[in-house]
Amino acid sequence: MSTETIPIAVSSKTASAFKKASPEVRRAAQEKAAEILRLTLMSPDELADEYDRLTAQTGANAHAKGWTDEMNEALLRGDYDD
């Protein structure tokens, strides 16, 4: 995905903290801010699609790690014991 830089106004305190942060922390902060902005600007339909994608991915990951439908049902009933 290509990227583009846009100006975003932040408080002086936030700007100062960002400038003082390590390159790793700055990169992580930029990635988080970009993701928050992306989600904020999505249409309701895009948000619904993103939700569906994330829940499907989470379910697939859980099944790959041994989570079963029976375990899920027990959790939903409130009687799941590890």
C-alpha atoms as a PDB file:
ATOM      1  CA  MET A   1       0.000   0.000   0.000  1.00  0.00           C
ATOM      2  CA  SER A   2       1.362   3.394  -0.857  1.00  0.00           C
ATOM      3  CA  THR A   3       1.500   6.033   1.838  1.00  0.00           C
ATOM      4  CA  GLU A   4       1.142   9.772   1.867  1.00  0.00           C
ATOM      5  CA  THR A   5       2.004  12.311   4.533  1.00  0.00           C
ATOM      6  CA  ILE A   6      -0.730  14.643   5.773  1.00  0.00           C
ATOM      7  CA  PRO A   7      -0.509  17.378   8.392  1.00  0.00           C
ATOM      8  CA  ILE A   8      -2.326  16.755  11.675  1.00  0.00           C
ATOM      9  CA  ALA A   9      -2.396  19.339  14.438  1.00  0.00           C
ATOM     10  CA  VAL A  10      -1.534  18.030  17.897  1.00  0.00           C
ATOM     11  CA  SER A  11      -0.857  19.688  21.221  1.00  0.00           C
ATOM     12  CA  SER A  12       2.598  21.089  21.901  1.00  0.00           C
ATOM     13  CA  LYS A  13       3.033  18.474  24.645  1.00  0.00           C
ATOM     14  CA  THR A  14       2.220  15.650  22.221  1.00  0.00           C
ATOM     15  CA  ALA A  15       4.548  17.068  19.557  1.00  0.00           C
ATOM     16  CA  SER A  16       7.366  17.387  22.070  1.00  0.00           C
ATOM     17  CA  ALA A  17       6.909  13.828  23.333  1.00  0.00           C
ATOM     18  CA  PHE A  18       6.862  12.524  19.759  1.00  0.00           C
ATOM     19  CA  LYS A  19      10.057  14.380  18.857  1.00  0.00           C
ATOM     20  CA  LYS A  20      11.820  13.017  21.953  1.00  0.00           C
ATOM     21  CA  ALA A  21      10.666   9.411  21.403  1.00  0.00           C
ATOM     22  CA  SER A  22      12.913   6.702  20.017  1.00  0.00           C
ATOM     23  CA  PRO A  23      12.538   5.791  16.336  1.00  0.00           C
ATOM     24  CA  GLU A  24      10.750   2.559  17.333  1.00  0.00           C
ATOM     25  CA  VAL A  25       8.239   4.375  19.536  1.00  0.00           C
ATOM     26  CA  ARG A  26       7.677   7.031  16.862  1.00  0.00           C
ATOM     27  CA  ARG A  27       7.044   4.357  14.217  1.00  0.00           C
ATOM     28  CA  ALA A  28       4.589   2.530  16.492  1.00  0.00           C
ATOM     29  CA  ALA A  29       2.779   5.790  17.293  1.00  0.00           C
ATOM     30  CA  GLN A  30       2.521   6.649  13.606  1.00  0.00           C
ATOM     31  CA  GLU A  31       1.121   3.207  12.788  1.00  0.00           C
ATOM     32  CA  LYS A  32      -1.478   3.451  15.566  1.00  0.00           C
ATOM     33  CA  ALA A  33      -2.513   6.973  14.561  1.00  0.00           C
ATOM     34  CA  ALA A  34      -2.822   5.930  10.913  1.00  0.00           C
ATOM     35  CA  GLU A  35      -4.999   2.957  11.855  1.00  0.00           C
ATOM     36  CA  ILE A  36      -7.249   5.067  14.084  1.00  0.00           C
ATOM     37  CA  LEU A  37      -7.636   7.633  11.298  1.00  0.00           C
ATOM     38  CA  ARG A  38      -8.364   4.893   8.744  1.00  0.00           C
ATOM     39  CA  LEU A  39     -11.097   3.384  10.911  1.00  0.00           C
ATOM     40  CA  THR A  40     -12.549   6.790  11.796  1.00  0.00           C
ATOM     41  CA  LEU A  41     -12.948   7.714   8.133  1.00  0.00           C
ATOM     42  CA  MET A  42     -14.568   4.438   7.048  1.00  0.00           C
ATOM     43  CA  SER A  43     -18.163   4.338   5.938  1.00  0.00           C
ATOM     44  CA  PRO A  44     -20.582   2.188   7.961  1.00  0.00           C
ATOM     45  CA  ASP A  45     -20.479  -0.479   5.232  1.00  0.00           C
ATOM     46  CA  GLU A  46     -16.675  -0.504   5.257  1.00  0.00           C
ATOM     47  CA  LEU A  47     -16.685  -0.782   9.053  1.00  0.00           C
ATOM     48  CA  ALA A  48     -19.081  -3.723   8.877  1.00  0.00           C
ATOM     49  CA  ASP A  49     -16.825  -5.442   6.331  1.00  0.00           C
ATOM     50  CA  GLU A  50     -13.775  -4.782   8.532  1.00  0.00           C
ATOM     51  CA  TYR A  51     -15.600  -6.194  11.558  1.00  0.00           C
ATOM     52  CA  ASP A  52     -16.552  -9.320   9.602  1.00  0.00           C
ATOM     53  CA  ARG A  53     -12.952  -9.745   8.413  1.00  0.00           C
ATOM     54  CA  LEU A  54     -11.535  -9.354  11.922  1.00  0.00           C
ATOM     55  CA  THR A  55     -14.022 -11.721  13.548  1.00  0.00           C
ATOM     56  CA  ALA A  56     -13.426 -14.356  10.855  1.00  0.00           C
ATOM     57  CA  GLN A  57      -9.662 -14.004  11.304  1.00  0.00           C
ATOM     58  CA  THR A  58      -9.979 -14.222  15.097  1.00  0.00           C
ATOM     59  CA  GLY A  59     -12.127 -17.349  14.819  1.00  0.00           C
ATOM     60  CA  ALA A  60      -9.705 -18.993  12.405  1.00  0.00           C
ATOM     61  CA  ASN A  61      -6.781 -18.196  14.702  1.00  0.00           C
ATOM     62  CA  ALA A  62      -8.645 -19.603  17.713  1.00  0.00           C
ATOM     63  CA  HIS A  63      -9.526 -22.830  15.873  1.00  0.00           C
ATOM     64  CA  ALA A  64      -5.906 -23.177  14.711  1.00  0.00           C
ATOM     65  CA  LYS A  65      -4.843 -22.995  18.362  1.00  0.00           C
ATOM     66  CA  GLY A  66      -7.280 -25.712  19.412  1.00  0.00           C
ATOM     67  CA  TRP A  67     -10.371 -23.688  20.365  1.00  0.00           C
ATOM     68  CA  THR A  68     -13.479 -25.736  19.593  1.00  0.00           C
ATOM     69  CA  ASP A  69     -17.120 -24.880  19.015  1.00  0.00           C
ATOM     70  CA  GLU A  70     -17.940 -26.783  22.214  1.00  0.00           C
ATOM     71  CA  MET A  71     -15.534 -24.582  24.180  1.00  0.00           C
ATOM     72  CA  ASN A  72     -17.142 -21.501  22.681  1.00  0.00           C
ATOM     73  CA  GLU A  73     -20.644 -22.674  23.603  1.00  0.00           C
ATOM     74  CA  ALA A  74     -19.509 -23.426  27.170  1.00  0.00           C
ATOM     75  CA  LEU A  75     -17.969 -19.963  27.436  1.00  0.00           C
ATOM     76  CA  LEU A  76     -21.171 -18.345  26.209  1.00  0.00           C
ATOM     77  CA  ARG A  77     -23.166 -20.338  28.794  1.00  0.00           C
ATOM     78  CA  GLY A  78     -20.757 -19.167  31.485  1.00  0.00           C
ATOM     79  CA  ASP A  79     -19.518 -22.598  32.442  1.00  0.00           C
ATOM     80  CA  TYR A  80     -16.175 -22.806  30.677  1.00  0.00           C
ATOM     81  CA  ASP A  81     -13.371 -24.100  32.855  1.00  0.00           C
ATOM     82  CA  ASP A  82      -9.889 -24.145  31.414  1.00  0.00           C
END
